[in-house]
Amino acid sequence: MAWVIRKLPLRRNYAEGAGGFFKGIDALPLTGQYTHYSLDKKTGKPDYVTDSAASATAWTTGVKTYNGALGVDIHENAHQTILELAKAAGLATGNVSTAELQDATPRGVGGACDIA
């Protein structure tokens, strides 16, 4: 994610000039970034070798977890995903993936479970 943020001004300047405006991303009211490393379940310290389940949990719930867990924190408390929050708000949702849906990365938007 960080490389995208650093490269975006360069791409914008090349495509649109120094005062340029990308209609999509520059029109967003807010932007952000995150880290998606996992946590050691026993110590809570960073585990920089992250599996797909922990990574998907981080980017769909905003909560870090341990490797092998989906949608739960290191204490196994469930957290709603962005799609669950959208559905609860009455919005239409979907998940498009080139991977099989049982894979941890696309499955991560579906909800909480321990797959370890």
PDB file of N, CA and C in Angstrom:
ATOM      1  N   MET A   1       0.823  -1.190   0.000  1.00  0.00           N
ATOM      2  CA  MET A   1       0.000   0.000   0.000  1.00  0.00           C
ATOM      3  C   MET A   1       0.869   1.256   0.000  1.00  0.00           C
ATOM      4  N   ALA A   2       1.926   1.247   0.787  1.00  0.00           N
ATOM      5  CA  ALA A   2       2.759   2.447   0.888  1.00  0.00           C
ATOM      6  C   ALA A   2       3.367   2.825  -0.450  1.00  0.00           C
ATOM      7  N   TRP A   3       3.766   1.832  -1.249  1.00  0.00           N
ATOM      8  CA  TRP A   3       4.366   2.168  -2.546  1.00  0.00           C
ATOM      9  C   TRP A   3       3.352   2.847  -3.449  1.00  0.00           C
ATOM     10  N   VAL A   4       2.084   2.484  -3.325  1.00  0.00           N
ATOM     11  CA  VAL A   4       1.045   3.129  -4.134  1.00  0.00           C
ATOM     12  C   VAL A   4       0.938   4.600  -3.759  1.00  0.00           C
ATOM     13  N   ILE A   5       0.957   4.885  -2.477  1.00  0.00           N
ATOM     14  CA  ILE A   5       0.843   6.269  -2.016  1.00  0.00           C
ATOM     15  C   ILE A   5       2.036   7.089  -2.482  1.00  0.00           C
ATOM     16  N   ARG A   6       3.228   6.518  -2.421  1.00  0.00           N
ATOM     17  CA  ARG A   6       4.410   7.255  -2.863  1.00  0.00           C
ATOM     18  C   ARG A   6       4.422   7.448  -4.368  1.00  0.00           C
ATOM     19  N   LYS A   7       3.890   6.498  -5.120  1.00  0.00           N
ATOM     20  CA  LYS A   7       3.925   6.569  -6.577  1.00  0.00           C
ATOM     21  C   LYS A   7       2.768   7.386  -7.151  1.00  0.00           C
ATOM     22  N   LEU A   8       1.708   7.549  -6.394  1.00  0.00           N
ATOM     23  CA  LEU A   8       0.532   8.243  -6.911  1.00  0.00           C
ATOM     24  C   LEU A   8       0.827   9.665  -7.373  1.00  0.00           C
ATOM     25  N   PRO A   9       1.518  10.496  -6.594  1.00  0.00           N
ATOM     26  CA  PRO A   9       1.820  11.848  -7.094  1.00  0.00           C
ATOM     27  C   PRO A   9       2.643  11.827  -8.383  1.00  0.00           C
ATOM     28  N   LEU A  10       3.577  10.901  -8.484  1.00  0.00           N
ATOM     29  CA  LEU A  10       4.379  10.782  -9.693  1.00  0.00           C
ATOM     30  C   LEU A  10       3.497  10.456 -10.893  1.00  0.00           C
ATOM     31  N   ARG A  11       2.606   9.495 -10.724  1.00  0.00           N
ATOM     32  CA  ARG A  11       1.699   9.116 -11.819  1.00  0.00           C
ATOM     33  C   ARG A  11       0.747  10.261 -12.176  1.00  0.00           C
ATOM     34  N   ARG A  12       0.242  10.936 -11.144  1.00  0.00           N
ATOM     35  CA  ARG A  12      -0.666  12.060 -11.379  1.00  0.00           C
ATOM     36  C   ARG A  12       0.048  13.162 -12.151  1.00  0.00           C
ATOM     37  N   ASN A  13       1.252  13.511 -11.721  1.00  0.00           N
ATOM     38  CA  ASN A  13       2.009  14.564 -12.397  1.00  0.00           C
ATOM     39  C   ASN A  13       2.321  14.191 -13.837  1.00  0.00           C
ATOM     40  N   TYR A  14       2.660  12.931 -14.081  1.00  0.00           N
ATOM     41  CA  TYR A  14       2.959  12.484 -15.440  1.00  0.00           C
ATOM     42  C   TYR A  14       1.710  12.546 -16.319  1.00  0.00           C
ATOM     43  N   ALA A  15       0.593  12.067 -15.790  1.00  0.00           N
ATOM     44  CA  ALA A  15      -0.633  11.982 -16.589  1.00  0.00           C
ATOM     45  C   ALA A  15      -1.360  13.316 -16.724  1.00  0.00           C
ATOM     46  N   GLU A  16      -1.366  14.117 -15.662  1.00  0.00           N
ATOM     47  CA  GLU A  16      -2.213  15.310 -15.628  1.00  0.00           C
ATOM     48  C   GLU A  16      -1.445  16.614 -15.443  1.00  0.00           C
ATOM     49  N   GLY A  17      -0.156  16.554 -15.203  1.00  0.00           N
ATOM     50  CA  GLY A  17       0.608  17.765 -14.905  1.00  0.00           C
ATOM     51  C   GLY A  17       0.643  18.013 -13.407  1.00  0.00           C
ATOM     52  N   ALA A  18       1.481  18.948 -12.983  1.00  0.00           N
ATOM     53  CA  ALA A  18       1.703  19.191 -11.557  1.00  0.00           C
ATOM     54  C   ALA A  18       0.432  19.584 -10.812  1.00  0.00           C
ATOM     55  N   GLY A  19      -0.476  20.251 -11.451  1.00  0.00           N
ATOM     56  CA  GLY A  19      -1.729  20.641 -10.808  1.00  0.00           C
ATOM     57  C   GLY A  19      -2.861  19.690 -11.146  1.00  0.00           C
ATOM     58  N   GLY A  20      -2.520  18.503 -11.627  1.00  0.00           N
ATOM     59  CA  GLY A  20      -3.518  17.555 -12.118  1.00  0.00           C
ATOM     60  C   GLY A  20      -4.441  17.001 -11.045  1.00  0.00           C
ATOM     61  N   PHE A  21      -5.500  16.341 -11.500  1.00  0.00           N
ATOM     62  CA  PHE A  21      -6.544  15.808 -10.628  1.00  0.00           C
ATOM     63  C   PHE A  21      -7.020  14.486 -11.203  1.00  0.00           C
ATOM     64  N   PHE A  22      -6.905  13.407 -10.443  1.00  0.00           N
ATOM     65  CA  PHE A  22      -7.475  12.121 -10.850  1.00  0.00           C
ATOM     66  C   PHE A  22      -8.930  12.104 -10.393  1.00  0.00           C
ATOM     67  N   LYS A  23      -9.843  11.967 -11.318  1.00  0.00           N
ATOM     68  CA  LYS A  23     -11.268  12.062 -10.995  1.00  0.00           C
ATOM     69  C   LYS A  23     -11.706  11.045  -9.944  1.00  0.00           C
ATOM     70  N   GLY A  24     -11.090   9.876  -9.930  1.00  0.00           N
ATOM     71  CA  GLY A  24     -11.480   8.846  -8.968  1.00  0.00           C
ATOM     72  C   GLY A  24     -10.920   9.085  -7.582  1.00  0.00           C
ATOM     73  N   ILE A  25      -9.641   8.841  -7.422  1.00  0.00           N
ATOM     74  CA  ILE A  25      -9.040   8.855  -6.085  1.00  0.00           C
ATOM     75  C   ILE A  25      -8.945  10.253  -5.487  1.00  0.00           C
ATOM     76  N   ASP A  26      -8.698  11.264  -6.275  1.00  0.00           N
ATOM     77  CA  ASP A  26      -8.586  12.619  -5.730  1.00  0.00           C
ATOM     78  C   ASP A  26      -9.940  13.193  -5.320  1.00  0.00           C
ATOM     79  N   ALA A  27     -11.027  12.610  -5.775  1.00  0.00           N
ATOM     80  CA  ALA A  27     -12.354  13.091  -5.410  1.00  0.00           C
ATOM     81  C   ALA A  27     -12.852  12.478  -4.098  1.00  0.00           C
ATOM     82  N   LEU A  28     -12.146  11.478  -3.579  1.00  0.00           N
ATOM     83  CA  LEU A  28     -12.575  10.847  -2.333  1.00  0.00           C
ATOM     84  C   LEU A  28     -12.439  11.827  -1.172  1.00  0.00           C
ATOM     85  N   PRO A  29     -13.428  11.851  -0.266  1.00  0.00           N
ATOM     86  CA  PRO A  29     -13.348  12.780   0.856  1.00  0.00           C
ATOM     87  C   PRO A  29     -12.276  12.391   1.877  1.00  0.00           C
ATOM     88  N   LEU A  30     -11.975  11.102   1.984  1.00  0.00           N
ATOM     89  CA  LEU A  30     -10.983  10.611   2.936  1.00  0.00           C
ATOM     90  C   LEU A  30     -10.151   9.513   2.285  1.00  0.00           C
ATOM     91  N   THR A  31      -8.928   9.385   2.675  1.00  0.00           N
ATOM     92  CA  THR A  31      -8.096   8.253   2.270  1.00  0.00           C
ATOM     93  C   THR A  31      -7.353   7.767   3.502  1.00  0.00           C
ATOM     94  N   GLY A  32      -6.758   6.602   3.415  1.00  0.00           N
ATOM     95  CA  GLY A  32      -6.028   6.068   4.550  1.00  0.00           C
ATOM     96  C   GLY A  32      -5.128   4.933   4.132  1.00  0.00           C
ATOM     97  N   GLN A  33      -4.432   4.401   5.097  1.00  0.00           N
ATOM     98  CA  GLN A  33      -3.596   3.242   4.848  1.00  0.00           C
ATOM     99  C   GLN A  33      -3.533   2.423   6.124  1.00  0.00           C
ATOM    100  N   TYR A  34      -3.063   1.209   6.028  1.00  0.00           N
ATOM    101  CA  TYR A  34      -3.005   0.322   7.172  1.00  0.00           C
ATOM    102  C   TYR A  34      -1.840  -0.640   7.023  1.00  0.00           C
ATOM    103  N   THR A  35      -1.511  -1.307   8.114  1.00  0.00           N
ATOM    104  CA  THR A  35      -0.571  -2.419   8.067  1.00  0.00           C
ATOM    105  C   THR A  35      -1.373  -3.685   8.331  1.00  0.00           C
ATOM    106  N   HIS A  36      -0.922  -4.782   7.802  1.00  0.00           N
ATOM    107  CA  HIS A  36      -1.713  -6.003   7.969  1.00  0.00           C
ATOM    108  C   HIS A  36      -0.882  -7.184   8.452  1.00  0.00           C
ATOM    109  N   TYR A  37       0.173  -6.908   9.237  1.00  0.00           N
ATOM    110  CA  TYR A  37       0.917  -8.010   9.839  1.00  0.00           C
ATOM    111  C   TYR A  37       0.049  -8.665  10.907  1.00  0.00           C
ATOM    112  N   SER A  38       0.338  -9.930  11.192  1.00  0.00           N
ATOM    113  CA  SER A  38      -0.435 -10.638  12.208  1.00  0.00           C
ATOM    114  C   SER A  38       0.188 -10.420  13.585  1.00  0.00           C
ATOM    115  N   LEU A  39      -0.486 -10.939  14.603  1.00  0.00           N
ATOM    116  CA  LEU A  39       0.008 -10.854  15.974  1.00  0.00           C
ATOM    117  C   LEU A  39       0.217 -12.261  16.520  1.00  0.00           C
ATOM    118  N   ASP A  40       1.186 -12.404  17.395  1.00  0.00           N
ATOM    119  CA  ASP A  40       1.378 -13.676  18.079  1.00  0.00           C
ATOM    120  C   ASP A  40       0.239 -13.835  19.079  1.00  0.00           C
ATOM    121  N   LYS A  41      -0.464 -14.967  19.032  1.00  0.00           N
ATOM    122  CA  LYS A  41      -1.647 -15.150  19.872  1.00  0.00           C
ATOM    123  C   LYS A  41      -1.309 -15.120  21.362  1.00  0.00           C
ATOM    124  N   LYS A  42      -0.141 -15.605  21.742  1.00  0.00           N
ATOM    125  CA  LYS A  42       0.223 -15.666  23.159  1.00  0.00           C
ATOM    126  C   LYS A  42       0.759 -14.344  23.692  1.00  0.00           C
ATOM    127  N   THR A  43       1.569 -13.657  22.900  1.00  0.00           N
ATOM    128  CA  THR A  43       2.228 -12.438  23.394  1.00  0.00           C
ATOM    129  C   THR A  43       1.588 -11.144  22.901  1.00  0.00           C
ATOM    130  N   GLY A  44       0.862 -11.212  21.789  1.00  0.00           N
ATOM    131  CA  GLY A  44       0.285 -10.010  21.197  1.00  0.00           C
ATOM    132  C   GLY A  44       1.284  -9.182  20.420  1.00  0.00           C
ATOM    133  N   LYS A  45       2.523  -9.664  20.324  1.00  0.00           N
ATOM    134  CA  LYS A  45       3.565  -8.941  19.592  1.00  0.00           C
ATOM    135  C   LYS A  45       3.446  -9.209  18.097  1.00  0.00           C
ATOM    136  N   PRO A  46       3.956  -8.298  17.266  1.00  0.00           N
ATOM    137  CA  PRO A  46       3.869  -8.474  15.812  1.00  0.00           C
ATOM    138  C   PRO A  46       4.533  -9.762  15.331  1.00  0.00           C
ATOM    139  N   ASP A  47       3.868 -10.414  14.393  1.00  0.00           N
ATOM    140  CA  ASP A  47       4.411 -11.568  13.673  1.00  0.00           C
ATOM    141  C   ASP A  47       4.433 -11.138  12.217  1.00  0.00           C
ATOM    142  N   TYR A  48       5.607 -10.837  11.709  1.00  0.00           N
ATOM    143  CA  TYR A  48       5.704 -10.252  10.378  1.00  0.00           C
ATOM    144  C   TYR A  48       5.574 -11.266   9.251  1.00  0.00           C
ATOM    145  N   VAL A  49       5.414 -12.546   9.580  1.00  0.00           N
ATOM    146  CA  VAL A  49       5.121 -13.562   8.565  1.00  0.00           C
ATOM    147  C   VAL A  49       3.620 -13.816   8.657  1.00  0.00           C
ATOM    148  N   THR A  50       2.875 -13.112   7.844  1.00  0.00           N
ATOM    149  CA  THR A  50       1.416 -13.097   7.928  1.00  0.00           C
ATOM    150  C   THR A  50       0.797 -14.044   6.919  1.00  0.00           C
ATOM    151  N   ASP A  51      -0.215 -14.801   7.341  1.00  0.00           N
ATOM    152  CA  ASP A  51      -0.932 -15.637   6.385  1.00  0.00           C
ATOM    153  C   ASP A  51      -2.144 -14.875   5.841  1.00  0.00           C
ATOM    154  N   SER A  52      -2.800 -15.474   4.854  1.00  0.00           N
ATOM    155  CA  SER A  52      -3.925 -14.805   4.188  1.00  0.00           C
ATOM    156  C   SER A  52      -5.080 -14.524   5.132  1.00  0.00           C
ATOM    157  N   ALA A  53      -5.338 -15.426   6.068  1.00  0.00           N
ATOM    158  CA  ALA A  53      -6.459 -15.234   6.985  1.00  0.00           C
ATOM    159  C   ALA A  53      -6.255 -14.000   7.860  1.00  0.00           C
ATOM    160  N   ALA A  54      -5.081 -13.885   8.456  1.00  0.00           N
ATOM    161  CA  ALA A  54      -4.802 -12.732   9.320  1.00  0.00           C
ATOM    162  C   ALA A  54      -4.784 -11.435   8.521  1.00  0.00           C
ATOM    163  N   SER A  55      -4.227 -11.484   7.324  1.00  0.00           N
ATOM    164  CA  SER A  55      -4.184 -10.295   6.474  1.00  0.00           C
ATOM    165  C   SER A  55      -5.589  -9.869   6.072  1.00  0.00           C
ATOM    166  N   ALA A  56      -6.404 -10.831   5.655  1.00  0.00           N
ATOM    167  CA  ALA A  56      -7.783 -10.521   5.257  1.00  0.00           C
ATOM    168  C   ALA A  56      -8.571  -9.949   6.425  1.00  0.00           C
ATOM    169  N   THR A  57      -8.345 -10.473   7.620  1.00  0.00           N
ATOM    170  CA  THR A  57      -9.018  -9.936   8.804  1.00  0.00           C
ATOM    171  C   THR A  57      -8.633  -8.483   9.026  1.00  0.00           C
ATOM    172  N   ALA A  58      -7.353  -8.177   8.884  1.00  0.00           N
ATOM    173  CA  ALA A  58      -6.895  -6.800   9.091  1.00  0.00           C
ATOM    174  C   ALA A  58      -7.562  -5.841   8.122  1.00  0.00           C
ATOM    175  N   TRP A  59      -7.622  -6.197   6.827  1.00  0.00           N
ATOM    176  CA  TRP A  59      -8.174  -5.229   5.878  1.00  0.00           C
ATOM    177  C   TRP A  59      -9.686  -5.259   5.780  1.00  0.00           C
ATOM    178  N   THR A  60     -10.364  -6.285   6.330  1.00  0.00           N
ATOM    179  CA  THR A  60     -11.824  -6.282   6.280  1.00  0.00           C
ATOM    180  C   THR A  60     -12.475  -5.850   7.585  1.00  0.00           C
ATOM    181  N   THR A  61     -11.752  -5.946   8.705  1.00  0.00           N
ATOM    182  CA  THR A  61     -12.332  -5.556   9.993  1.00  0.00           C
ATOM    183  C   THR A  61     -11.604  -4.388  10.646  1.00  0.00           C
ATOM    184  N   GLY A  62     -10.355  -4.153  10.236  1.00  0.00           N
ATOM    185  CA  GLY A  62      -9.549  -3.135  10.891  1.00  0.00           C
ATOM    186  C   GLY A  62      -8.923  -3.615  12.185  1.00  0.00           C
ATOM    187  N   VAL A  63      -8.994  -4.928  12.438  1.00  0.00           N
ATOM    188  CA  VAL A  63      -8.466  -5.517  13.662  1.00  0.00           C
ATOM    189  C   VAL A  63      -7.409  -6.557  13.307  1.00  0.00           C
ATOM    190  N   LYS A  64      -6.265  -6.488  13.956  1.00  0.00           N
ATOM    191  CA  LYS A  64      -5.221  -7.488  13.723  1.00  0.00           C
ATOM    192  C   LYS A  64      -5.548  -8.768  14.487  1.00  0.00           C
ATOM    193  N   THR A  65      -5.094  -9.911  13.952  1.00  0.00           N
ATOM    194  CA  THR A  65      -5.327 -11.199  14.584  1.00  0.00           C
ATOM    195  C   THR A  65      -4.113 -12.085  14.412  1.00  0.00           C
ATOM    196  N   TYR A  66      -4.230 -13.311  14.831  1.00  0.00           N
ATOM    197  CA  TYR A  66      -3.149 -14.284  14.706  1.00  0.00           C
ATOM    198  C   TYR A  66      -3.321 -15.088  13.418  1.00  0.00           C
ATOM    199  N   ASN A  67      -2.243 -15.684  12.948  1.00  0.00           N
ATOM    200  CA  ASN A  67      -2.306 -16.503  11.738  1.00  0.00           C
ATOM    201  C   ASN A  67      -3.291 -17.655  11.935  1.00  0.00           C
ATOM    202  N   GLY A  68      -4.110 -17.895  10.925  1.00  0.00           N
ATOM    203  CA  GLY A  68      -5.083 -18.977  10.965  1.00  0.00           C
ATOM    204  C   GLY A  68      -6.455 -18.566  11.458  1.00  0.00           C
ATOM    205  N   ALA A  69      -6.663 -17.291  11.726  1.00  0.00           N
ATOM    206  CA  ALA A  69      -7.959 -16.826  12.223  1.00  0.00           C
ATOM    207  C   ALA A  69      -8.569 -15.821  11.259  1.00  0.00           C
ATOM    208  N   LEU A  70      -9.890 -15.890  11.116  1.00  0.00           N
ATOM    209  CA  LEU A  70     -10.627 -14.957  10.258  1.00  0.00           C
ATOM    210  C   LEU A  70     -11.660 -14.207  11.080  1.00  0.00           C
ATOM    211  N   GLY A  71     -11.603 -12.893  11.055  1.00  0.00           N
ATOM    212  CA  GLY A  71     -12.650 -12.072  11.653  1.00  0.00           C
ATOM    213  C   GLY A  71     -12.680 -12.034  13.169  1.00  0.00           C
ATOM    214  N   VAL A  72     -11.644 -12.569  13.818  1.00  0.00           N
ATOM    215  CA  VAL A  72     -11.572 -12.519  15.275  1.00  0.00           C
ATOM    216  C   VAL A  72     -10.255 -11.878  15.688  1.00  0.00           C
ATOM    217  N   ASP A  73     -10.233 -11.306  16.902  1.00  0.00           N
ATOM    218  CA  ASP A  73      -8.980 -10.742  17.407  1.00  0.00           C
ATOM    219  C   ASP A  73      -8.174 -11.834  18.111  1.00  0.00           C
ATOM    220  N   ILE A  74      -7.076 -11.476  18.757  1.00  0.00           N
ATOM    221  CA  ILE A  74      -6.236 -12.506  19.383  1.00  0.00           C
ATOM    222  C   ILE A  74      -6.898 -13.130  20.608  1.00  0.00           C
ATOM    223  N   HIS A  75      -7.984 -12.535  21.090  1.00  0.00           N
ATOM    224  CA  HIS A  75      -8.743 -13.094  22.209  1.00  0.00           C
ATOM    225  C   HIS A  75      -9.970 -13.857  21.707  1.00  0.00           C
ATOM    226  N   GLU A  76     -10.066 -14.040  20.391  1.00  0.00           N
ATOM    227  CA  GLU A  76     -11.140 -14.765  19.701  1.00  0.00           C
ATOM    228  C   GLU A  76     -12.500 -14.079  19.797  1.00  0.00           C
ATOM    229  N   ASN A  77     -12.492 -12.763  19.972  1.00  0.00           N
ATOM    230  CA  ASN A  77     -13.726 -11.987  19.904  1.00  0.00           C
ATOM    231  C   ASN A  77     -14.007 -11.673  18.442  1.00  0.00           C
ATOM    232  N   ALA A  78     -15.226 -11.954  17.991  1.00  0.00           N
ATOM    233  CA  ALA A  78     -15.593 -11.713  16.593  1.00  0.00           C
ATOM    234  C   ALA A  78     -15.729 -10.216  16.312  1.00  0.00           C
ATOM    235  N   HIS A  79     -15.344  -9.826  15.094  1.00  0.00           N
ATOM    236  CA  HIS A  79     -15.477  -8.440  14.632  1.00  0.00           C
ATOM    237  C   HIS A  79     -16.158  -8.459  13.270  1.00  0.00           C
ATOM    238  N   GLN A  80     -17.043  -7.511  13.039  1.00  0.00           N
ATOM    239  CA  GLN A  80     -17.751  -7.442  11.762  1.00  0.00           C
ATOM    240  C   GLN A  80     -16.824  -6.982  10.650  1.00  0.00           C
ATOM    241  N   THR A  81     -17.034  -7.565   9.473  1.00  0.00           N
ATOM    242  CA  THR A  81     -16.276  -7.143   8.304  1.00  0.00           C
ATOM    243  C   THR A  81     -16.958  -5.941   7.665  1.00  0.00           C
ATOM    244  N   ILE A  82     -16.258  -5.311   6.764  1.00  0.00           N
ATOM    245  CA  ILE A  82     -16.812  -4.161   6.049  1.00  0.00           C
ATOM    246  C   ILE A  82     -18.077  -4.549   5.279  1.00  0.00           C
ATOM    247  N   LEU A  83     -18.117  -5.770   4.728  1.00  0.00           N
ATOM    248  CA  LEU A  83     -19.323  -6.203   4.017  1.00  0.00           C
ATOM    249  C   LEU A  83     -20.471  -6.459   4.981  1.00  0.00           C
ATOM    250  N   GLU A  84     -20.188  -7.018   6.151  1.00  0.00           N
ATOM    251  CA  GLU A  84     -21.239  -7.226   7.143  1.00  0.00           C
ATOM    252  C   GLU A  84     -21.809  -5.887   7.609  1.00  0.00           C
ATOM    253  N   LEU A  85     -20.954  -4.904   7.814  1.00  0.00           N
ATOM    254  CA  LEU A  85     -21.419  -3.571   8.208  1.00  0.00           C
ATOM    255  C   LEU A  85     -22.258  -2.932   7.106  1.00  0.00           C
ATOM    256  N   ALA A  86     -21.818  -3.090   5.860  1.00  0.00           N
ATOM    257  CA  ALA A  86     -22.574  -2.534   4.733  1.00  0.00           C
ATOM    258  C   ALA A  86     -23.938  -3.200   4.614  1.00  0.00           C
ATOM    259  N   LYS A  87     -23.969  -4.519   4.747  1.00  0.00           N
ATOM    260  CA  LYS A  87     -25.244  -5.250   4.658  1.00  0.00           C
ATOM    261  C   LYS A  87     -26.189  -4.822   5.776  1.00  0.00           C
ATOM    262  N   ALA A  88     -25.654  -4.674   6.997  1.00  0.00           N
ATOM    263  CA  ALA A  88     -26.473  -4.231   8.126  1.00  0.00           C
ATOM    264  C   ALA A  88     -27.036  -2.834   7.896  1.00  0.00           C
ATOM    265  N   ALA A  89     -26.339  -2.033   7.099  1.00  0.00           N
ATOM    266  CA  ALA A  89     -26.800  -0.682   6.776  1.00  0.00           C
ATOM    267  C   ALA A  89     -27.749  -0.674   5.583  1.00  0.00           C
ATOM    268  N   GLY A  90     -28.087  -1.866   5.070  1.00  0.00           N
ATOM    269  CA  GLY A  90     -29.029  -1.957   3.964  1.00  0.00           C
ATOM    270  C   GLY A  90     -28.415  -1.796   2.592  1.00  0.00           C
ATOM    271  N   LEU A  91     -27.106  -1.848   2.503  1.00  0.00           N
ATOM    272  CA  LEU A  91     -26.429  -1.701   1.215  1.00  0.00           C
ATOM    273  C   LEU A  91     -26.250  -3.059   0.543  1.00  0.00           C
ATOM    274  N   ALA A  92     -26.189  -3.057  -0.767  1.00  0.00           N
ATOM    275  CA  ALA A  92     -25.891  -4.276  -1.512  1.00  0.00           C
ATOM    276  C   ALA A  92     -24.394  -4.553  -1.389  1.00  0.00           C
ATOM    277  N   THR A  93     -24.025  -5.820  -1.289  1.00  0.00           N
ATOM    278  CA  THR A  93     -22.620  -6.186  -1.146  1.00  0.00           C
ATOM    279  C   THR A  93     -22.260  -7.295  -2.121  1.00  0.00           C
ATOM    280  N   GLY A  94     -20.989  -7.492  -2.307  1.00  0.00           N
ATOM    281  CA  GLY A  94     -20.505  -8.574  -3.152  1.00  0.00           C
ATOM    282  C   GLY A  94     -19.027  -8.791  -2.921  1.00  0.00           C
ATOM    283  N   ASN A  95     -18.540  -9.919  -3.400  1.00  0.00           N
ATOM    284  CA  ASN A  95     -17.132 -10.268  -3.253  1.00  0.00           C
ATOM    285  C   ASN A  95     -16.680 -10.898  -4.560  1.00  0.00           C
ATOM    286  N   VAL A  96     -15.840 -10.215  -5.296  1.00  0.00           N
ATOM    287  CA  VAL A  96     -15.331 -10.711  -6.569  1.00  0.00           C
ATOM    288  C   VAL A  96     -13.894 -11.151  -6.354  1.00  0.00           C
ATOM    289  N   SER A  97     -13.578 -12.363  -6.772  1.00  0.00           N
ATOM    290  CA  SER A  97     -12.235 -12.890  -6.552  1.00  0.00           C
ATOM    291  C   SER A  97     -11.837 -13.821  -7.682  1.00  0.00           C
ATOM    292  N   THR A  98     -10.556 -13.853  -7.989  1.00  0.00           N
ATOM    293  CA  THR A  98     -10.042 -14.828  -8.946  1.00  0.00           C
ATOM    294  C   THR A  98      -9.628 -16.106  -8.233  1.00  0.00           C
ATOM    295  N   ALA A  99      -9.594 -16.087  -6.908  1.00  0.00           N
ATOM    296  CA  ALA A  99      -9.291 -17.288  -6.123  1.00  0.00           C
ATOM    297  C   ALA A  99     -10.594 -18.016  -5.815  1.00  0.00           C
ATOM    298  N   GLU A 100     -10.476 -19.266  -5.389  1.00  0.00           N
ATOM    299  CA  GLU A 100     -11.664 -19.997  -4.957  1.00  0.00           C
ATOM    300  C   GLU A 100     -12.183 -19.357  -3.675  1.00  0.00           C
ATOM    301  N   LEU A 101     -13.504 -19.316  -3.518  1.00  0.00           N
ATOM    302  CA  LEU A 101     -14.094 -18.579  -2.400  1.00  0.00           C
ATOM    303  C   LEU A 101     -13.768 -19.164  -1.039  1.00  0.00           C
ATOM    304  N   GLN A 102     -13.354 -20.442  -0.980  1.00  0.00           N
ATOM    305  CA  GLN A 102     -12.965 -20.995   0.318  1.00  0.00           C
ATOM    306  C   GLN A 102     -11.543 -20.610   0.707  1.00  0.00           C
ATOM    307  N   ASP A 103     -10.780 -20.011  -0.206  1.00  0.00           N
ATOM    308  CA  ASP A 103      -9.451 -19.511   0.145  1.00  0.00           C
ATOM    309  C   ASP A 103      -9.597 -18.409   1.188  1.00  0.00           C
ATOM    310  N   ALA A 104      -8.593 -18.261   2.028  1.00  0.00           N
ATOM    311  CA  ALA A 104      -8.691 -17.324   3.153  1.00  0.00           C
ATOM    312  C   ALA A 104      -8.853 -15.873   2.727  1.00  0.00           C
ATOM    313  N   THR A 105      -8.199 -15.458   1.653  1.00  0.00           N
ATOM    314  CA  THR A 105      -8.278 -14.044   1.287  1.00  0.00           C
ATOM    315  C   THR A 105      -9.689 -13.635   0.888  1.00  0.00           C
ATOM    316  N   PRO A 106     -10.361 -14.292  -0.076  1.00  0.00           N
ATOM    317  CA  PRO A 106     -11.737 -13.896  -0.369  1.00  0.00           C
ATOM    318  C   PRO A 106     -12.710 -14.271   0.745  1.00  0.00           C
ATOM    319  N   ARG A 107     -12.422 -15.333   1.476  1.00  0.00           N
ATOM    320  CA  ARG A 107     -13.292 -15.750   2.570  1.00  0.00           C
ATOM    321  C   ARG A 107     -13.258 -14.733   3.710  1.00  0.00           C
ATOM    322  N   GLY A 108     -12.179 -13.982   3.798  1.00  0.00           N
ATOM    323  CA  GLY A 108     -12.008 -13.025   4.879  1.00  0.00           C
ATOM    324  C   GLY A 108     -13.100 -11.985   4.981  1.00  0.00           C
ATOM    325  N   VAL A 109     -13.770 -11.674   3.902  1.00  0.00           N
ATOM    326  CA  VAL A 109     -14.842 -10.680   3.972  1.00  0.00           C
ATOM    327  C   VAL A 109     -16.141 -11.276   4.489  1.00  0.00           C
ATOM    328  N   GLY A 110     -16.199 -12.598   4.638  1.00  0.00           N
ATOM    329  CA  GLY A 110     -17.439 -13.270   5.000  1.00  0.00           C
ATOM    330  C   GLY A 110     -17.783 -13.304   6.469  1.00  0.00           C
ATOM    331  N   GLY A 111     -16.813 -13.301   7.353  1.00  0.00           N
ATOM    332  CA  GLY A 111     -17.125 -13.359   8.773  1.00  0.00           C
ATOM    333  C   GLY A 111     -16.072 -14.086   9.576  1.00  0.00           C
ATOM    334  N   ALA A 112     -16.411 -14.409  10.815  1.00  0.00           N
ATOM    335  CA  ALA A 112     -15.435 -14.925  11.766  1.00  0.00           C
ATOM    336  C   ALA A 112     -15.376 -16.444  11.806  1.00  0.00           C
ATOM    337  N   CYS A 113     -14.160 -16.979  11.874  1.00  0.00           N
ATOM    338  CA  CYS A 113     -13.937 -18.399  12.126  1.00  0.00           C
ATOM    339  C   CYS A 113     -12.457 -18.626  12.378  1.00  0.00           C
ATOM    340  N   ASP A 114     -12.140 -19.720  13.049  1.00  0.00           N
ATOM    341  CA  ASP A 114     -10.749 -20.116  13.300  1.00  0.00           C
ATOM    342  C   ASP A 114     -10.445 -21.261  12.359  1.00  0.00           C
ATOM    343  N   ILE A 115      -9.482 -21.081  11.460  1.00  0.00           N
ATOM    344  CA  ILE A 115      -9.189 -22.118  10.470  1.00  0.00           C
ATOM    345  C   ILE A 115      -7.902 -22.862  10.774  1.00  0.00           C
ATOM    346  N   ALA A 116      -7.290 -22.565  11.927  1.00  0.00           N
ATOM    347  CA  ALA A 116      -6.016 -23.216  12.278  1.00  0.00           C
ATOM    348  C   ALA A 116      -6.240 -24.656  12.693  1.00  0.00           C
TER     349      ALA A 116
END
